[in-house]
PDB file of all heavy atoms in Angstrom:
ATOM      1  N   LYS A   1     -23.681  34.722   2.481  1.00  0.00           N
ATOM      2  CA  LYS A   1     -23.544  33.339   2.042  1.00  0.00           C
ATOM      3  C   LYS A   1     -24.787  32.540   2.402  1.00  0.00           C
ATOM      4  O   LYS A   1     -25.452  32.762   3.391  1.00  0.00           O
ATOM      5  CB  LYS A   1     -22.331  32.692   2.718  1.00  0.00           C
ATOM      6  CG  LYS A   1     -21.009  33.311   2.309  1.00  0.00           C
ATOM      7  CD  LYS A   1     -19.895  32.587   3.037  1.00  0.00           C
ATOM      8  CE  LYS A   1     -18.539  33.153   2.653  1.00  0.00           C
ATOM      9  NZ  LYS A   1     -17.449  32.506   3.378  1.00  0.00           N
ATOM     10  N   ASN A   2     -25.084  31.573   1.542  1.00  0.00           N
ATOM     11  CA  ASN A   2     -26.159  30.650   1.880  1.00  0.00           C
ATOM     12  C   ASN A   2     -25.673  29.688   2.929  1.00  0.00           C
ATOM     13  O   ASN A   2     -24.517  29.278   2.939  1.00  0.00           O
ATOM     14  CB  ASN A   2     -26.578  29.845   0.645  1.00  0.00           C
ATOM     15  CG  ASN A   2     -27.206  30.726  -0.403  1.00  0.00           C
ATOM     16  OD1 ASN A   2     -27.931  31.645  -0.080  1.00  0.00           O
ATOM     17  ND2 ASN A   2     -26.914  30.429  -1.654  1.00  0.00           N
ATOM     18  N   PHE A   3     -26.547  29.322   3.820  1.00  0.00           N
ATOM     19  CA  PHE A   3     -26.182  28.318   4.812  1.00  0.00           C
ATOM     20  C   PHE A   3     -27.432  27.583   5.238  1.00  0.00           C
ATOM     21  O   PHE A   3     -28.550  28.049   5.041  1.00  0.00           O
ATOM     22  CB  PHE A   3     -25.473  28.942   6.029  1.00  0.00           C
ATOM     23  CG  PHE A   3     -26.294  29.981   6.745  1.00  0.00           C
ATOM     24  CD1 PHE A   3     -27.220  29.623   7.716  1.00  0.00           C
ATOM     25  CD2 PHE A   3     -26.137  31.321   6.426  1.00  0.00           C
ATOM     26  CE1 PHE A   3     -27.952  30.567   8.349  1.00  0.00           C
ATOM     27  CE2 PHE A   3     -26.894  32.278   7.074  1.00  0.00           C
ATOM     28  CZ  PHE A   3     -27.797  31.905   8.036  1.00  0.00           C
ATOM     29  N   VAL A   4     -27.177  26.403   5.820  1.00  0.00           N
ATOM     30  CA  VAL A   4     -28.289  25.588   6.304  1.00  0.00           C
ATOM     31  C   VAL A   4     -28.079  25.337   7.778  1.00  0.00           C
ATOM     32  O   VAL A   4     -27.054  24.809   8.178  1.00  0.00           O
ATOM     33  CB  VAL A   4     -28.353  24.230   5.564  1.00  0.00           C
ATOM     34  CG1 VAL A   4     -29.525  23.422   6.088  1.00  0.00           C
ATOM     35  CG2 VAL A   4     -28.486  24.463   4.072  1.00  0.00           C
ATOM     36  N   LEU A   5     -29.034  25.764   8.596  1.00  0.00           N
ATOM     37  CA  LEU A   5     -28.964  25.512  10.030  1.00  0.00           C
ATOM     38  C   LEU A   5     -29.554  24.149  10.318  1.00  0.00           C
ATOM     39  O   LEU A   5     -30.606  23.808   9.803  1.00  0.00           O
ATOM     40  CB  LEU A   5     -29.751  26.583  10.794  1.00  0.00           C
ATOM     41  CG  LEU A   5     -29.150  27.990  10.807  1.00  0.00           C
ATOM     42  CD1 LEU A   5     -30.104  28.925  11.518  1.00  0.00           C
ATOM     43  CD2 LEU A   5     -27.817  27.977  11.492  1.00  0.00           C
ATOM     44  N   PHE A   6     -28.835  23.401  11.165  1.00  0.00           N
ATOM     45  CA  PHE A   6     -29.301  22.075  11.539  1.00  0.00           C
ATOM     46  C   PHE A   6     -29.849  22.092  12.950  1.00  0.00           C
ATOM     47  O   PHE A   6     -29.211  22.583  13.853  1.00  0.00           O
ATOM     48  CB  PHE A   6     -28.144  21.071  11.503  1.00  0.00           C
ATOM     49  CG  PHE A   6     -27.807  20.647  10.128  1.00  0.00           C
ATOM     50  CD1 PHE A   6     -26.619  21.053   9.561  1.00  0.00           C
ATOM     51  CD2 PHE A   6     -28.668  19.852   9.400  1.00  0.00           C
ATOM     52  CE1 PHE A   6     -26.302  20.674   8.295  1.00  0.00           C
ATOM     53  CE2 PHE A   6     -28.342  19.468   8.132  1.00  0.00           C
ATOM     54  CZ  PHE A   6     -27.164  19.875   7.590  1.00  0.00           C
ATOM     55  N   SER A   7     -31.007  21.528  13.185  1.00  0.00           N
ATOM     56  CA  SER A   7     -31.508  21.383  14.530  1.00  0.00           C
ATOM     57  C   SER A   7     -31.374  19.952  14.965  1.00  0.00           C
ATOM     58  O   SER A   7     -31.147  19.073  14.167  1.00  0.00           O
ATOM     59  CB  SER A   7     -32.964  21.814  14.611  1.00  0.00           C
ATOM     60  OG  SER A   7     -33.793  20.717  14.377  1.00  0.00           O
ATOM     61  N   VAL A   8     -31.516  19.736  16.269  1.00  0.00           N
ATOM     62  CA  VAL A   8     -31.324  18.432  16.836  1.00  0.00           C
ATOM     63  C   VAL A   8     -32.685  17.811  17.125  1.00  0.00           C
ATOM     64  O   VAL A   8     -33.398  18.281  17.972  1.00  0.00           O
ATOM     65  CB  VAL A   8     -30.501  18.573  18.117  1.00  0.00           C
ATOM     66  CG1 VAL A   8     -30.199  17.235  18.708  1.00  0.00           C
ATOM     67  CG2 VAL A   8     -29.230  19.290  17.803  1.00  0.00           C
ATOM     68  N   SER A   9     -33.151  16.756  16.351  1.00  0.00           N
ATOM     69  CA  SER A   9     -34.426  16.083  16.523  1.00  0.00           C
ATOM     70  C   SER A   9     -34.286  14.636  16.092  1.00  0.00           C
ATOM     71  O   SER A   9     -33.290  14.279  15.516  1.00  0.00           O
ATOM     72  CB  SER A   9     -35.512  16.787  15.718  1.00  0.00           C
ATOM     73  OG  SER A   9     -35.170  16.744  14.369  1.00  0.00           O
ATOM     74  N   LEU A  10     -35.227  13.778  16.353  1.00  0.00           N
ATOM     75  CA  LEU A  10     -35.080  12.349  16.100  1.00  0.00           C
ATOM     76  C   LEU A  10     -35.252  11.990  14.636  1.00  0.00           C
ATOM     77  O   LEU A  10     -36.021  12.606  13.929  1.00  0.00           O
ATOM     78  CB  LEU A  10     -36.122  11.578  16.921  1.00  0.00           C
ATOM     79  CG  LEU A  10     -35.933  11.646  18.439  1.00  0.00           C
ATOM     80  CD1 LEU A  10     -37.116  10.979  19.116  1.00  0.00           C
ATOM     81  CD2 LEU A  10     -34.653  10.969  18.849  1.00  0.00           C
ATOM     82  N   PHE A  11     -34.518  10.957  14.193  1.00  0.00           N
ATOM     83  CA  PHE A  11     -34.750  10.406  12.869  1.00  0.00           C
ATOM     84  C   PHE A  11     -34.149   9.012  12.800  1.00  0.00           C
ATOM     85  O   PHE A  11     -33.359   8.618  13.639  1.00  0.00           O
ATOM     86  CB  PHE A  11     -34.152  11.294  11.770  1.00  0.00           C
ATOM     87  CG  PHE A  11     -32.723  10.978  11.452  1.00  0.00           C
ATOM     88  CD1 PHE A  11     -32.388  10.243  10.328  1.00  0.00           C
ATOM     89  CD2 PHE A  11     -31.716  11.405  12.303  1.00  0.00           C
ATOM     90  CE1 PHE A  11     -31.074   9.973  10.055  1.00  0.00           C
ATOM     91  CE2 PHE A  11     -30.404  11.125  12.023  1.00  0.00           C
ATOM     92  CZ  PHE A  11     -30.082  10.411  10.900  1.00  0.00           C
ATOM     93  N   THR A  12     -34.550   8.264  11.760  1.00  0.00           N
ATOM     94  CA  THR A  12     -33.930   6.980  11.480  1.00  0.00           C
ATOM     95  C   THR A  12     -33.568   6.955  10.018  1.00  0.00           C
ATOM     96  O   THR A  12     -34.133   7.677   9.218  1.00  0.00           O
ATOM     97  CB  THR A  12     -34.896   5.803  11.765  1.00  0.00           C
ATOM     98  OG1 THR A  12     -36.064   5.994  10.978  1.00  0.00           O
ATOM     99  CG2 THR A  12     -35.267   5.745  13.242  1.00  0.00           C
ATOM    100  N   GLY A  13     -32.609   6.099   9.653  1.00  0.00           N
ATOM    101  CA  GLY A  13     -32.196   6.061   8.255  1.00  0.00           C
ATOM    102  C   GLY A  13     -31.074   5.084   8.053  1.00  0.00           C
ATOM    103  O   GLY A  13     -30.697   4.363   8.958  1.00  0.00           O
ATOM    104  N   ILE A  14     -30.532   5.101   6.861  1.00  0.00           N
ATOM    105  CA  ILE A  14     -29.488   4.166   6.470  1.00  0.00           C
ATOM    106  C   ILE A  14     -28.234   4.949   6.154  1.00  0.00           C
ATOM    107  O   ILE A  14     -28.273   5.935   5.435  1.00  0.00           O
ATOM    108  CB  ILE A  14     -29.898   3.353   5.230  1.00  0.00           C
ATOM    109  CG1 ILE A  14     -31.173   2.571   5.548  1.00  0.00           C
ATOM    110  CG2 ILE A  14     -28.792   2.412   4.804  1.00  0.00           C
ATOM    111  CD1 ILE A  14     -31.751   1.879   4.341  1.00  0.00           C
ATOM    112  N   PHE A  15     -27.123   4.530   6.732  1.00  0.00           N
ATOM    113  CA  PHE A  15     -25.842   5.190   6.468  1.00  0.00           C
ATOM    114  C   PHE A  15     -25.401   4.915   5.036  1.00  0.00           C
ATOM    115  O   PHE A  15     -25.452   3.796   4.565  1.00  0.00           O
ATOM    116  CB  PHE A  15     -24.792   4.652   7.438  1.00  0.00           C
ATOM    117  CG  PHE A  15     -23.386   5.066   7.097  1.00  0.00           C
ATOM    118  CD1 PHE A  15     -22.962   6.350   7.350  1.00  0.00           C
ATOM    119  CD2 PHE A  15     -22.530   4.170   6.501  1.00  0.00           C
ATOM    120  CE1 PHE A  15     -21.699   6.726   7.018  1.00  0.00           C
ATOM    121  CE2 PHE A  15     -21.255   4.559   6.174  1.00  0.00           C
ATOM    122  CZ  PHE A  15     -20.842   5.839   6.439  1.00  0.00           C
ATOM    123  N   MET A  16     -24.980   5.976   4.348  1.00  0.00           N
ATOM    124  CA  MET A  16     -24.524   5.856   2.962  1.00  0.00           C
ATOM    125  C   MET A  16     -23.019   6.010   2.920  1.00  0.00           C
ATOM    126  O   MET A  16     -22.492   7.044   3.298  1.00  0.00           O
ATOM    127  CB  MET A  16     -25.168   6.956   2.100  1.00  0.00           C
ATOM    128  CG  MET A  16     -26.692   6.890   2.084  1.00  0.00           C
ATOM    129  SD  MET A  16     -27.312   5.350   1.403  1.00  0.00           S
ATOM    130  CE  MET A  16     -26.785   5.526  -0.296  1.00  0.00           C
ATOM    131  N   LEU A  17     -22.320   5.016   2.474  1.00  0.00           N
ATOM    132  CA  LEU A  17     -20.881   5.056   2.340  1.00  0.00           C
ATOM    133  C   LEU A  17     -20.516   5.461   0.932  1.00  0.00           C
ATOM    134  O   LEU A  17     -21.018   4.907  -0.032  1.00  0.00           O
ATOM    135  CB  LEU A  17     -20.268   3.678   2.641  1.00  0.00           C
ATOM    136  CG  LEU A  17     -18.756   3.544   2.473  1.00  0.00           C
ATOM    137  CD1 LEU A  17     -18.049   4.399   3.508  1.00  0.00           C
ATOM    138  CD2 LEU A  17     -18.340   2.091   2.616  1.00  0.00           C
ATOM    139  N   ILE A  18     -19.635   6.471   0.826  1.00  0.00           N
ATOM    140  CA  ILE A  18     -19.175   6.901  -0.496  1.00  0.00           C
ATOM    141  C   ILE A  18     -18.185   5.866  -1.000  1.00  0.00           C
ATOM    142  O   ILE A  18     -17.132   5.667  -0.408  1.00  0.00           O
ATOM    143  CB  ILE A  18     -18.508   8.281  -0.417  1.00  0.00           C
ATOM    144  CG1 ILE A  18     -19.526   9.301   0.103  1.00  0.00           C
ATOM    145  CG2 ILE A  18     -17.961   8.717  -1.759  1.00  0.00           C
ATOM    146  CD1 ILE A  18     -18.943  10.679   0.329  1.00  0.00           C
ATOM    147  N   GLY A  19     -18.492   5.211  -2.074  1.00  0.00           N
ATOM    148  CA  GLY A  19     -17.654   4.126  -2.580  1.00  0.00           C
ATOM    149  C   GLY A  19     -16.726   4.563  -3.680  1.00  0.00           C
ATOM    150  O   GLY A  19     -16.853   5.637  -4.236  1.00  0.00           O
ATOM    151  N   PHE A  20     -15.774   3.718  -3.998  1.00  0.00           N
ATOM    152  CA  PHE A  20     -14.837   3.981  -5.085  1.00  0.00           C
ATOM    153  C   PHE A  20     -15.300   3.215  -6.309  1.00  0.00           C
ATOM    154  O   PHE A  20     -15.573   2.030  -6.236  1.00  0.00           O
ATOM    155  CB  PHE A  20     -13.429   3.515  -4.678  1.00  0.00           C
ATOM    156  CG  PHE A  20     -12.423   3.672  -5.774  1.00  0.00           C
ATOM    157  CD1 PHE A  20     -12.067   4.931  -6.215  1.00  0.00           C
ATOM    158  CD2 PHE A  20     -11.854   2.564  -6.373  1.00  0.00           C
ATOM    159  CE1 PHE A  20     -11.132   5.076  -7.220  1.00  0.00           C
ATOM    160  CE2 PHE A  20     -10.931   2.711  -7.379  1.00  0.00           C
ATOM    161  CZ  PHE A  20     -10.561   3.965  -7.798  1.00  0.00           C
ATOM    162  N   SER A  21     -15.414   3.930  -7.426  1.00  0.00           N
ATOM    163  CA  SER A  21     -16.015   3.298  -8.589  1.00  0.00           C
ATOM    164  C   SER A  21     -15.040   3.029  -9.722  1.00  0.00           C
ATOM    165  O   SER A  21     -15.395   2.424 -10.710  1.00  0.00           O
ATOM    166  CB  SER A  21     -17.146   4.195  -9.116  1.00  0.00           C
ATOM    167  OG  SER A  21     -16.651   5.463  -9.469  1.00  0.00           O
ATOM    168  N   GLY A  22     -13.815   3.497  -9.560  1.00  0.00           N
ATOM    169  CA  GLY A  22     -12.889   3.331 -10.673  1.00  0.00           C
ATOM    170  C   GLY A  22     -11.919   2.194 -10.455  1.00  0.00           C
ATOM    171  O   GLY A  22     -11.738   1.703  -9.362  1.00  0.00           O
ATOM    172  N   LYS A  23     -11.253   1.767 -11.524  1.00  0.00           N
ATOM    173  CA  LYS A  23     -10.209   0.758 -11.451  1.00  0.00           C
ATOM    174  C   LYS A  23      -8.947   1.322 -12.068  1.00  0.00           C
ATOM    175  O   LYS A  23      -8.976   2.146 -12.950  1.00  0.00           O
ATOM    176  CB  LYS A  23     -10.603  -0.508 -12.219  1.00  0.00           C
ATOM    177  CG  LYS A  23     -11.838  -1.223 -11.676  1.00  0.00           C
ATOM    178  CD  LYS A  23     -12.119  -2.454 -12.486  1.00  0.00           C
ATOM    179  CE  LYS A  23     -13.371  -3.170 -11.995  1.00  0.00           C
ATOM    180  NZ  LYS A  23     -13.658  -4.370 -12.798  1.00  0.00           N
ATOM    181  N   LYS A  24      -7.812   0.868 -11.565  1.00  0.00           N
ATOM    182  CA  LYS A  24      -6.539   1.278 -12.130  1.00  0.00           C
ATOM    183  C   LYS A  24      -5.862   0.042 -12.694  1.00  0.00           C
ATOM    184  O   LYS A  24      -5.926  -1.032 -12.123  1.00  0.00           O
ATOM    185  CB  LYS A  24      -5.657   1.931 -11.061  1.00  0.00           C
ATOM    186  CG  LYS A  24      -6.258   3.241 -10.548  1.00  0.00           C
ATOM    187  CD  LYS A  24      -5.315   3.892  -9.585  1.00  0.00           C
ATOM    188  CE  LYS A  24      -5.828   5.235  -9.131  1.00  0.00           C
ATOM    189  NZ  LYS A  24      -7.034   5.150  -8.342  1.00  0.00           N
ATOM    190  N   MET A  25      -5.174   0.225 -13.800  1.00  0.00           N
ATOM    191  CA  MET A  25      -4.487  -0.883 -14.432  1.00  0.00           C
ATOM    192  C   MET A  25      -3.493  -1.495 -13.446  1.00  0.00           C
ATOM    193  O   MET A  25      -2.810  -0.791 -12.720  1.00  0.00           O
ATOM    194  CB  MET A  25      -3.742  -0.364 -15.666  1.00  0.00           C
ATOM    195  CG  MET A  25      -3.084  -1.454 -16.487  1.00  0.00           C
ATOM    196  SD  MET A  25      -2.424  -0.795 -18.026  1.00  0.00           S
ATOM    197  CE  MET A  25      -1.228   0.366 -17.398  1.00  0.00           C
ATOM    198  N   SER A  26      -3.415  -2.788 -13.403  1.00  0.00           N
ATOM    199  CA  SER A  26      -2.534  -3.564 -12.540  1.00  0.00           C
ATOM    200  C   SER A  26      -3.054  -3.683 -11.119  1.00  0.00           C
ATOM    201  O   SER A  26      -2.444  -4.329 -10.291  1.00  0.00           O
ATOM    202  CB  SER A  26      -1.109  -2.960 -12.491  1.00  0.00           C
ATOM    203  OG  SER A  26      -0.547  -2.961 -13.781  1.00  0.00           O
ATOM    204  N   GLU A  27      -4.191  -3.061 -10.805  1.00  0.00           N
ATOM    205  CA  GLU A  27      -4.778  -3.227  -9.490  1.00  0.00           C
ATOM    206  C   GLU A  27      -5.917  -4.245  -9.580  1.00  0.00           C
ATOM    207  O   GLU A  27      -6.578  -4.360 -10.614  1.00  0.00           O
ATOM    208  CB  GLU A  27      -5.341  -1.901  -8.957  1.00  0.00           C
ATOM    209  CG  GLU A  27      -4.267  -0.858  -8.705  1.00  0.00           C
ATOM    210  CD  GLU A  27      -4.860   0.397  -8.115  1.00  0.00           C
ATOM    211  OE1 GLU A  27      -6.083   0.450  -7.916  1.00  0.00           O
ATOM    212  OE2 GLU A  27      -4.089   1.322  -7.868  1.00  0.00           O
ATOM    213  N   PRO A  28      -6.143  -4.987  -8.506  1.00  0.00           N
ATOM    214  CA  PRO A  28      -7.245  -5.948  -8.531  1.00  0.00           C
ATOM    215  C   PRO A  28      -8.576  -5.223  -8.532  1.00  0.00           C
ATOM    216  O   PRO A  28      -8.671  -4.069  -8.143  1.00  0.00           O
ATOM    217  CB  PRO A  28      -7.040  -6.735  -7.228  1.00  0.00           C
ATOM    218  CG  PRO A  28      -6.319  -5.777  -6.333  1.00  0.00           C
ATOM    219  CD  PRO A  28      -5.426  -4.982  -7.252  1.00  0.00           C
ATOM    220  N   ALA A  29      -9.605  -5.905  -8.974  1.00  0.00           N
ATOM    221  CA  ALA A  29     -10.935  -5.303  -8.959  1.00  0.00           C
ATOM    222  C   ALA A  29     -11.324  -4.966  -7.534  1.00  0.00           C
ATOM    223  O   ALA A  29     -10.983  -5.674  -6.588  1.00  0.00           O
ATOM    224  CB  ALA A  29     -11.951  -6.277  -9.561  1.00  0.00           C
ATOM    225  N   VAL A  30     -12.037  -3.872  -7.380  1.00  0.00           N
ATOM    226  CA  VAL A  30     -12.481  -3.460  -6.061  1.00  0.00           C
ATOM    227  C   VAL A  30     -13.513  -4.448  -5.540  1.00  0.00           C
ATOM    228  O   VAL A  30     -14.444  -4.825  -6.239  1.00  0.00           O
ATOM    229  CB  VAL A  30     -13.077  -2.041  -6.118  1.00  0.00           C
ATOM    230  CG1 VAL A  30     -13.683  -1.667  -4.768  1.00  0.00           C
ATOM    231  CG2 VAL A  30     -11.997  -1.055  -6.509  1.00  0.00           C
ATOM    232  N   ILE A  31     -13.343  -4.856  -4.304  1.00  0.00           N
ATOM    233  CA  ILE A  31     -14.265  -5.794  -3.691  1.00  0.00           C
ATOM    234  C   ILE A  31     -15.400  -5.011  -3.044  1.00  0.00           C
ATOM    235  O   ILE A  31     -15.170  -4.168  -2.188  1.00  0.00           O
ATOM    236  CB  ILE A  31     -13.544  -6.643  -2.621  1.00  0.00           C
ATOM    237  CG1 ILE A  31     -12.300  -7.313  -3.234  1.00  0.00           C
ATOM    238  CG2 ILE A  31     -14.480  -7.662  -2.017  1.00  0.00           C
ATOM    239  CD1 ILE A  31     -12.607  -8.249  -4.359  1.00  0.00           C
ATOM    240  N   ASN A  32     -16.631  -5.263  -3.446  1.00  0.00           N
ATOM    241  CA  ASN A  32     -17.770  -4.554  -2.883  1.00  0.00           C
ATOM    242  C   ASN A  32     -18.214  -5.234  -1.588  1.00  0.00           C
ATOM    243  O   ASN A  32     -19.280  -5.819  -1.491  1.00  0.00           O
ATOM    244  CB  ASN A  32     -18.924  -4.514  -3.880  1.00  0.00           C
ATOM    245  CG  ASN A  32     -18.577  -3.677  -5.085  1.00  0.00           C
ATOM    246  OD1 ASN A  32     -18.005  -2.607  -4.941  1.00  0.00           O
ATOM    247  ND2 ASN A  32     -18.905  -4.170  -6.260  1.00  0.00           N
ATOM    248  N   SER A  33     -17.347  -5.172  -0.598  1.00  0.00           N
ATOM    249  CA  SER A  33     -17.644  -5.763   0.698  1.00  0.00           C
ATOM    250  C   SER A  33     -17.387  -4.729   1.772  1.00  0.00           C
ATOM    251  O   SER A  33     -16.736  -3.733   1.529  1.00  0.00           O
ATOM    252  CB  SER A  33     -16.741  -6.987   0.929  1.00  0.00           C
ATOM    253  OG  SER A  33     -15.378  -6.595   0.914  1.00  0.00           O
ATOM    254  N   PRO A  34     -17.917  -4.958   2.990  1.00  0.00           N
ATOM    255  CA  PRO A  34     -17.715  -3.988   4.059  1.00  0.00           C
ATOM    256  C   PRO A  34     -16.239  -3.769   4.362  1.00  0.00           C
ATOM    257  O   PRO A  34     -15.408  -4.657   4.191  1.00  0.00           O
ATOM    258  CB  PRO A  34     -18.438  -4.624   5.259  1.00  0.00           C
ATOM    259  CG  PRO A  34     -19.422  -5.563   4.651  1.00  0.00           C
ATOM    260  CD  PRO A  34     -18.754  -6.072   3.410  1.00  0.00           C
ATOM    261  N   VAL A  35     -15.912  -2.560   4.840  1.00  0.00           N
ATOM    262  CA  VAL A  35     -14.542  -2.253   5.224  1.00  0.00           C
ATOM    263  C   VAL A  35     -14.142  -3.132   6.399  1.00  0.00           C
ATOM    264  O   VAL A  35     -14.882  -3.277   7.358  1.00  0.00           O
ATOM    265  CB  VAL A  35     -14.433  -0.765   5.626  1.00  0.00           C
ATOM    266  CG1 VAL A  35     -13.019  -0.451   6.075  1.00  0.00           C
ATOM    267  CG2 VAL A  35     -14.833   0.101   4.454  1.00  0.00           C
ATOM    268  N   ASN A  36     -12.959  -3.717   6.308  1.00  0.00           N
ATOM    269  CA  ASN A  36     -12.492  -4.597   7.371  1.00  0.00           C
ATOM    270  C   ASN A  36     -11.310  -3.946   8.065  1.00  0.00           C
ATOM    271  O   ASN A  36     -10.188  -3.991   7.590  1.00  0.00           O
ATOM    272  CB  ASN A  36     -12.075  -5.949   6.772  1.00  0.00           C
ATOM    273  CG  ASN A  36     -11.534  -6.891   7.832  1.00  0.00           C
ATOM    274  OD1 ASN A  36     -11.915  -6.794   8.990  1.00  0.00           O
ATOM    275  ND2 ASN A  36     -10.643  -7.787   7.429  1.00  0.00           N
ATOM    276  N   ILE A  37     -11.564  -3.272   9.181  1.00  0.00           N
ATOM    277  CA  ILE A  37     -10.503  -2.637   9.928  1.00  0.00           C
ATOM    278  C   ILE A  37     -10.027  -3.604  11.004  1.00  0.00           C
ATOM    279  O   ILE A  37     -10.772  -3.974  11.900  1.00  0.00           O
ATOM    280  CB  ILE A  37     -10.988  -1.324  10.579  1.00  0.00           C
ATOM    281  CG1 ILE A  37     -11.557  -0.393   9.503  1.00  0.00           C
ATOM    282  CG2 ILE A  37      -9.882  -0.651  11.347  1.00  0.00           C
ATOM    283  CD1 ILE A  37     -10.549   0.001   8.456  1.00  0.00           C
ATOM    284  N   VAL A  38      -8.775  -4.021  10.915  1.00  0.00           N
ATOM    285  CA  VAL A  38      -8.269  -5.035  11.827  1.00  0.00           C
ATOM    286  C   VAL A  38      -7.650  -4.387  13.058  1.00  0.00           C
ATOM    287  O   VAL A  38      -7.296  -3.228  13.058  1.00  0.00           O
ATOM    288  CB  VAL A  38      -7.213  -5.916  11.122  1.00  0.00           C
ATOM    289  CG1 VAL A  38      -7.819  -6.624   9.942  1.00  0.00           C
ATOM    290  CG2 VAL A  38      -6.008  -5.081  10.696  1.00  0.00           C
ATOM    291  N   GLU A  39      -7.537  -5.190  14.114  1.00  0.00           N
ATOM    292  CA  GLU A  39      -6.899  -4.700  15.322  1.00  0.00           C
ATOM    293  C   GLU A  39      -5.383  -4.762  15.147  1.00  0.00           C
ATOM    294  O   GLU A  39      -4.847  -5.494  14.326  1.00  0.00           O
ATOM    295  CB  GLU A  39      -7.318  -5.565  16.522  1.00  0.00           C
ATOM    296  CG  GLU A  39      -8.790  -5.440  16.871  1.00  0.00           C
ATOM    297  CD  GLU A  39      -9.160  -4.028  17.265  1.00  0.00           C
ATOM    298  OE1 GLU A  39      -8.353  -3.373  17.951  1.00  0.00           O
ATOM    299  OE2 GLU A  39     -10.246  -3.579  16.883  1.00  0.00           O
ATOM    300  N   CYS A  40      -4.686  -3.963  15.968  1.00  0.00           N
ATOM    301  CA  CYS A  40      -3.227  -3.926  15.922  1.00  0.00           C
ATOM    302  C   CYS A  40      -2.659  -5.258  16.394  1.00  0.00           C
ATOM    303  O   CYS A  40      -3.094  -5.801  17.397  1.00  0.00           O
ATOM    304  CB  CYS A  40      -2.731  -2.824  16.835  1.00  0.00           C
ATOM    305  SG  CYS A  40      -1.566  -1.737  16.059  1.00  0.00           S
ATOM    306  N   GLN A  41      -1.699  -5.769  15.692  1.00  0.00           N
ATOM    307  CA  GLN A  41      -1.061  -6.989  16.132  1.00  0.00           C
ATOM    308  C   GLN A  41       0.365  -7.020  15.623  1.00  0.00           C
ATOM    309  O   GLN A  41       0.686  -6.443  14.580  1.00  0.00           O
ATOM    310  CB  GLN A  41      -1.828  -8.219  15.643  1.00  0.00           C
ATOM    311  CG  GLN A  41      -2.137  -8.198  14.157  1.00  0.00           C
ATOM    312  CD  GLN A  41      -3.064  -9.314  13.757  1.00  0.00           C
ATOM    313  OE1 GLN A  41      -2.838 -10.458  14.097  1.00  0.00           O
ATOM    314  NE2 GLN A  41      -4.128  -9.002  13.034  1.00  0.00           N
ATOM    315  N   THR A  42       1.243  -7.665  16.359  1.00  0.00           N
ATOM    316  CA  THR A  42       2.641  -7.747  15.971  1.00  0.00           C
ATOM    317  C   THR A  42       2.818  -8.861  14.939  1.00  0.00           C
ATOM    318  O   THR A  42       2.468 -10.013  15.197  1.00  0.00           O
ATOM    319  CB  THR A  42       3.517  -8.060  17.195  1.00  0.00           C
ATOM    320  OG1 THR A  42       3.313  -7.047  18.178  1.00  0.00           O
ATOM    321  CG2 THR A  42       4.983  -8.118  16.802  1.00  0.00           C
ATOM    322  N   PRO A  43       3.328  -8.526  13.741  1.00  0.00           N
ATOM    323  CA  PRO A  43       3.509  -9.553  12.716  1.00  0.00           C
ATOM    324  C   PRO A  43       4.513 -10.607  13.160  1.00  0.00           C
ATOM    325  O   PRO A  43       5.472 -10.313  13.871  1.00  0.00           O
ATOM    326  CB  PRO A  43       4.040  -8.757  11.513  1.00  0.00           C
ATOM    327  CG  PRO A  43       3.713  -7.330  11.824  1.00  0.00           C
ATOM    328  CD  PRO A  43       3.741  -7.204  13.297  1.00  0.00           C
ATOM    329  N   ALA A  44       4.293 -11.829  12.732  1.00  0.00           N
ATOM    330  CA  ALA A  44       5.193 -12.921  13.086  1.00  0.00           C
ATOM    331  C   ALA A  44       6.152 -13.224  11.935  1.00  0.00           C
ATOM    332  O   ALA A  44       5.865 -12.973  10.773  1.00  0.00           O
ATOM    333  CB  ALA A  44       4.374 -14.167  13.424  1.00  0.00           C
ATOM    334  N   ASN A  45       7.318 -13.760  12.289  1.00  0.00           N
ATOM    335  CA  ASN A  45       8.297 -14.248  11.306  1.00  0.00           C
ATOM    336  C   ASN A  45       8.749 -13.169  10.321  1.00  0.00           C
ATOM    337  O   ASN A  45       8.906 -13.426   9.129  1.00  0.00           O
ATOM    338  CB  ASN A  45       7.718 -15.440  10.536  1.00  0.00           C
ATOM    339  CG  ASN A  45       7.305 -16.567  11.460  1.00  0.00           C
ATOM    340  OD1 ASN A  45       8.007 -16.866  12.430  1.00  0.00           O
ATOM    341  ND2 ASN A  45       6.160 -17.175  11.167  1.00  0.00           N
ATOM    342  N   VAL A  46       8.947 -11.950  10.834  1.00  0.00           N
ATOM    343  CA  VAL A  46       9.466 -10.871  10.000  1.00  0.00           C
ATOM    344  C   VAL A  46      10.720 -10.320  10.650  1.00  0.00           C
ATOM    345  O   VAL A  46      10.735 -10.040  11.848  1.00  0.00           O
ATOM    346  CB  VAL A  46       8.424  -9.732   9.848  1.00  0.00           C
ATOM    347  CG1 VAL A  46       9.023  -8.582   9.055  1.00  0.00           C
ATOM    348  CG2 VAL A  46       7.178 -10.250   9.156  1.00  0.00           C
TER     349      VAL A  46
END
């Protein structure tokens, strides 16, 4: 099998996020903004 060996050395670069490019009917348009992961919290008035 073909394989690629990786060595450990310095580099700099930009992280590439794989985005979603499609839309589904009845869904809102995808917002091209950073992922917003919220902290855990207990919902109120439920």
